[in-house]
């Protein structure tokens, strides 16, 4: 397989006040978290994604 693979996942049903650090702590056991980005909205929408990239061990 040529090149590195990256995956993005959506994690739903989270508290509105979840932090990027909390997400990194929760998922670090699966591999190195390269980036955690909380995308918040100021509307009352139910869509509140947390996006992060991980590098998983081989």
N, C-alpha and C. Protein backbone atom coordinates (compact mmCIF):
# COMPACT_ATOMS: atom_id res chain seq x y z
N UNK A 1 0.85 -1.17 0.00
CA UNK A 1 0.00 0.00 0.00
C UNK A 1 0.90 1.23 0.00
N UNK A 2 0.72 2.12 -0.94
CA UNK A 2 1.55 3.31 -1.04
C UNK A 2 0.92 4.46 -0.26
N UNK A 3 1.74 5.19 0.47
CA UNK A 3 1.25 6.36 1.20
C UNK A 3 0.59 6.00 2.51
N UNK A 4 0.34 7.04 3.29
CA UNK A 4 -0.31 6.87 4.59
C UNK A 4 -1.81 7.02 4.43
N UNK A 5 -2.53 6.29 5.25
CA UNK A 5 -3.98 6.41 5.24
C UNK A 5 -4.42 7.21 6.45
N UNK A 6 -5.36 8.10 6.24
CA UNK A 6 -5.96 8.85 7.33
C UNK A 6 -7.46 8.62 7.28
N UNK A 7 -8.06 8.63 8.42
CA UNK A 7 -9.49 8.44 8.52
C UNK A 7 -10.09 9.56 9.34
N UNK A 8 -11.28 9.93 8.99
CA UNK A 8 -12.03 10.90 9.78
C UNK A 8 -13.26 10.19 10.30
N UNK A 9 -13.60 10.50 11.53
CA UNK A 9 -14.80 9.89 12.09
C UNK A 9 -15.68 10.99 12.68
N UNK A 10 -16.94 10.70 12.74
CA UNK A 10 -17.90 11.59 13.38
C UNK A 10 -18.31 10.95 14.70
N UNK A 11 -18.26 11.72 15.76
CA UNK A 11 -18.69 11.24 17.07
C UNK A 11 -19.88 12.11 17.47
N UNK A 12 -21.05 11.50 17.55
CA UNK A 12 -22.26 12.25 17.87
C UNK A 12 -22.73 12.01 19.29
N UNK A 13 -23.72 12.77 19.70
CA UNK A 13 -24.33 12.61 21.01
C UNK A 13 -23.48 13.12 22.15
N UNK A 14 -22.59 14.05 21.86
CA UNK A 14 -21.70 14.58 22.88
C UNK A 14 -22.32 15.78 23.58
N UNK A 15 -21.82 16.05 24.77
CA UNK A 15 -22.23 17.23 25.50
C UNK A 15 -21.79 18.48 24.74
N UNK A 16 -22.55 19.55 24.84
CA UNK A 16 -22.20 20.79 24.15
C UNK A 16 -20.91 21.40 24.68
N UNK A 17 -20.51 21.03 25.89
CA UNK A 17 -19.31 21.63 26.47
C UNK A 17 -18.09 20.71 26.44
N UNK A 18 -18.12 19.66 25.63
CA UNK A 18 -16.97 18.76 25.52
C UNK A 18 -15.80 19.53 24.92
N UNK A 19 -14.60 19.23 25.41
CA UNK A 19 -13.41 19.93 24.92
C UNK A 19 -12.59 19.02 24.01
N UNK A 20 -11.72 19.63 23.24
CA UNK A 20 -10.83 18.87 22.37
C UNK A 20 -9.91 17.98 23.20
N UNK A 21 -9.45 18.49 24.33
CA UNK A 21 -8.58 17.72 25.22
C UNK A 21 -9.29 16.46 25.74
N UNK A 22 -10.56 16.59 26.08
CA UNK A 22 -11.32 15.43 26.54
C UNK A 22 -11.44 14.38 25.44
N UNK A 23 -11.66 14.83 24.21
CA UNK A 23 -11.76 13.90 23.10
C UNK A 23 -10.43 13.20 22.84
N UNK A 24 -9.34 13.95 22.91
CA UNK A 24 -8.02 13.34 22.73
C UNK A 24 -7.77 12.28 23.79
N UNK A 25 -8.10 12.60 25.04
CA UNK A 25 -7.91 11.64 26.14
C UNK A 25 -8.73 10.38 25.93
N UNK A 26 -9.95 10.54 25.45
CA UNK A 26 -10.84 9.39 25.25
C UNK A 26 -10.37 8.47 24.14
N UNK A 27 -9.72 9.01 23.11
CA UNK A 27 -9.36 8.22 21.94
C UNK A 27 -7.88 7.91 21.81
N UNK A 28 -7.04 8.40 22.70
CA UNK A 28 -5.60 8.18 22.55
C UNK A 28 -5.20 6.71 22.68
N UNK A 29 -6.01 5.90 23.32
CA UNK A 29 -5.67 4.48 23.45
C UNK A 29 -5.73 3.74 22.11
N UNK A 30 -6.38 4.34 21.11
CA UNK A 30 -6.49 3.72 19.80
C UNK A 30 -5.38 4.14 18.84
N UNK A 31 -4.60 5.10 19.24
CA UNK A 31 -3.51 5.61 18.40
C UNK A 31 -3.25 7.06 18.72
N UNK A 32 -2.23 7.59 18.11
CA UNK A 32 -1.88 8.99 18.34
C UNK A 32 -2.89 9.89 17.65
N UNK A 33 -3.46 10.80 18.40
CA UNK A 33 -4.40 11.77 17.85
C UNK A 33 -3.58 12.90 17.24
N UNK A 34 -3.67 13.07 15.93
CA UNK A 34 -2.90 14.10 15.25
C UNK A 34 -3.56 15.46 15.35
N UNK A 35 -4.87 15.47 15.39
CA UNK A 35 -5.59 16.74 15.43
C UNK A 35 -6.97 16.50 16.01
N UNK A 36 -7.40 17.39 16.86
CA UNK A 36 -8.77 17.37 17.36
C UNK A 36 -9.35 18.75 17.13
N UNK A 37 -10.48 18.81 16.50
CA UNK A 37 -11.07 20.11 16.17
C UNK A 37 -12.54 20.08 16.51
N UNK A 38 -12.94 20.93 17.43
CA UNK A 38 -14.35 21.05 17.76
C UNK A 38 -14.96 22.12 16.88
N UNK A 39 -15.98 21.77 16.15
CA UNK A 39 -16.68 22.72 15.28
C UNK A 39 -18.01 23.04 15.94
N UNK A 40 -18.10 24.19 16.52
CA UNK A 40 -19.32 24.53 17.24
C UNK A 40 -20.19 25.48 16.43
N UNK A 41 -21.46 25.43 16.71
CA UNK A 41 -22.40 26.35 16.09
C UNK A 41 -23.07 27.13 17.21
N UNK A 42 -23.58 28.27 16.88
CA UNK A 42 -24.25 29.10 17.88
C UNK A 42 -25.76 29.00 17.75
N UNK A 43 -26.23 28.12 16.92
CA UNK A 43 -27.67 27.92 16.78
C UNK A 43 -28.10 26.79 17.71
N UNK A 44 -29.34 26.53 17.75
CA UNK A 44 -29.87 25.44 18.59
C UNK A 44 -29.90 24.13 17.80
N UNK A 45 -29.11 24.04 16.78
CA UNK A 45 -29.04 22.85 15.94
C UNK A 45 -28.55 21.65 16.76
N UNK A 46 -28.98 20.47 16.39
CA UNK A 46 -28.51 19.26 17.04
C UNK A 46 -27.20 18.77 16.44
N UNK A 47 -26.75 19.41 15.38
CA UNK A 47 -25.53 18.99 14.70
C UNK A 47 -24.34 19.69 15.33
N UNK A 48 -23.52 18.94 16.06
CA UNK A 48 -22.34 19.48 16.73
C UNK A 48 -21.21 18.48 16.60
N UNK A 49 -20.49 18.52 15.50
CA UNK A 49 -19.46 17.49 15.29
C UNK A 49 -18.14 17.79 15.97
N UNK A 50 -17.44 16.75 16.29
CA UNK A 50 -16.06 16.82 16.73
C UNK A 50 -15.27 16.07 15.66
N UNK A 51 -14.31 16.71 15.08
CA UNK A 51 -13.52 16.09 14.02
C UNK A 51 -12.08 15.99 14.48
N UNK A 52 -11.50 14.81 14.35
CA UNK A 52 -10.09 14.67 14.68
C UNK A 52 -9.45 13.62 13.82
N UNK A 53 -8.14 13.76 13.63
CA UNK A 53 -7.39 12.80 12.83
C UNK A 53 -6.53 11.98 13.78
N UNK A 54 -6.38 10.72 13.45
CA UNK A 54 -5.58 9.83 14.29
C UNK A 54 -4.54 9.10 13.46
N UNK A 55 -3.43 8.82 14.08
CA UNK A 55 -2.43 7.93 13.49
C UNK A 55 -2.44 6.68 14.36
N UNK A 56 -2.86 5.59 13.80
CA UNK A 56 -2.97 4.34 14.55
C UNK A 56 -1.72 3.49 14.37
N UNK A 57 -1.35 2.76 15.41
CA UNK A 57 -0.18 1.89 15.29
C UNK A 57 -0.43 0.78 14.28
N UNK A 58 0.63 0.33 13.64
CA UNK A 58 0.53 -0.74 12.63
C UNK A 58 0.24 -2.07 13.28
